Protein backbone atom coordinates (compact mmCIF):
# COMPACT_ATOMS: atom_id res chain seq x y z
CA MET A 1 -4.23 12.53 7.06
CA ASN A 2 -1.32 13.78 5.01
CA ILE A 3 -0.69 11.87 1.81
CA GLY A 4 2.04 13.39 -0.28
CA LEU A 5 0.86 13.15 -3.86
CA ALA A 6 3.07 15.05 -6.24
CA GLU A 7 1.36 17.14 -8.87
CA GLY A 8 0.64 15.06 -11.94
CA HIS A 9 0.98 11.72 -10.12
CA ARG A 10 -1.82 9.45 -9.04
CA ILE A 11 -2.40 6.31 -7.03
CA ASP A 12 -4.00 3.56 -9.15
CA ALA A 13 -4.45 0.89 -6.50
CA VAL A 14 -3.96 0.28 -2.79
CA VAL A 15 -3.44 -2.92 -0.84
CA SER A 16 -4.15 -2.36 2.83
CA ASP A 17 -4.99 -4.23 5.99
CA VAL A 18 -8.42 -3.43 7.38
CA VAL A 19 -7.15 -2.98 10.96
CA MET A 20 -4.25 -0.57 11.41
CA PRO A 21 -3.14 1.74 14.22
CA ARG A 22 -4.47 5.31 14.16
CA LEU A 23 -6.11 5.11 10.74
CA GLY A 24 -8.18 2.05 9.86
CA GLY A 25 -8.40 0.73 6.34
CA LEU A 26 -12.00 1.83 5.80
CA LYS A 27 -11.10 5.40 6.81
CA LEU A 28 -8.07 5.28 4.51
CA LEU A 29 -10.34 4.19 1.66
CA GLU A 30 -12.77 7.02 2.41
CA GLU A 31 -10.00 9.62 2.47
CA LEU A 32 -8.33 8.40 -0.72
CA ARG A 33 -11.61 8.15 -2.64
CA LEU A 34 -12.28 11.81 -1.86
CA ARG A 35 -9.16 12.59 -3.90
CA SER A 36 -9.43 9.79 -6.45
CA PRO A 37 -12.87 8.13 -6.71
CA GLU A 38 -11.67 5.54 -9.24
CA ILE A 39 -8.88 4.15 -7.05
CA ARG A 40 -8.88 0.34 -6.75
CA PHE A 41 -8.66 -1.16 -3.26
CA LEU A 42 -7.73 -4.60 -2.00
CA PHE A 43 -8.13 -5.20 1.72
CA THR A 44 -6.47 -8.00 3.65
CA SER A 45 -7.70 -9.22 7.00
CA GLY A 46 -7.00 -12.00 9.42
CA TYR A 47 -10.57 -11.62 10.69
CA PRO A 48 -12.78 -11.52 7.58
CA GLN A 49 -15.73 -12.86 9.57
CA ASN A 50 -15.78 -9.57 11.49
CA LEU A 51 -16.41 -7.54 8.34
CA GLU A 52 -20.10 -7.08 7.73
CA THR A 53 -19.90 -5.31 4.39
CA LEU A 54 -17.29 -3.68 2.23
CA PRO A 55 -17.85 -0.64 0.04
CA ALA A 56 -18.65 -1.27 -3.62
CA GLY A 57 -15.68 -2.23 -5.74
CA VAL A 58 -13.50 -3.26 -2.80
CA ARG A 59 -12.06 -6.77 -2.72
CA LEU A 60 -11.04 -8.74 0.35
CA LEU A 61 -8.16 -11.18 0.59
CA PRO A 62 -8.38 -13.17 3.86
CA LYS A 63 -5.12 -13.93 5.69
CA PRO A 64 -3.12 -16.05 5.64
CA PHE A 65 -2.66 -16.25 1.89
CA ALA A 66 -0.04 -17.26 -0.66
CA MET A 67 0.37 -15.02 -3.67
CA ASP A 68 0.34 -18.06 -5.93
CA GLY A 69 -2.90 -19.33 -4.38
CA GLU A 70 -6.30 -19.35 -6.04
CA MET A 71 -7.79 -16.90 -3.52
CA ALA A 72 -4.99 -14.38 -4.03
CA GLY A 73 -5.33 -14.65 -7.79
CA ALA A 74 -9.06 -14.05 -7.62
CA ALA A 75 -8.63 -11.08 -5.27
CA MET A 76 -5.94 -9.50 -7.44
CA ASN A 77 -8.00 -9.89 -10.62
CA GLY A 78 -8.45 -6.40 -11.96
CA PHE A 79 -5.25 -5.11 -10.35
CA ALA A 80 -2.86 -6.42 -12.99
CA PRO A 81 -1.12 -5.24 -14.96
CA LEU A 82 0.01 -2.36 -12.80
CA ARG A 83 2.88 -0.16 -13.86
CA ILE A 84 5.17 0.52 -10.94
CA SER A 85 7.31 3.60 -11.36
């Protein structure tokens, strides 16, 4: 996996689907935490019942969701405020 992180920059948080082509979300989490153990992760999934367990500190937002909904707000708790630059 090649993730281009410029020197002096970091990734604070990631929102990712669990199921993706070539590189699944759990593998992405594993790879990114090797570089940045404190990174915050929010997974989304249309099939949350298929997930047995998630790693510690990882939140799950089941699809479909509305960003103004209670579930989305609860899942995003701890992500805000994020500075986007």
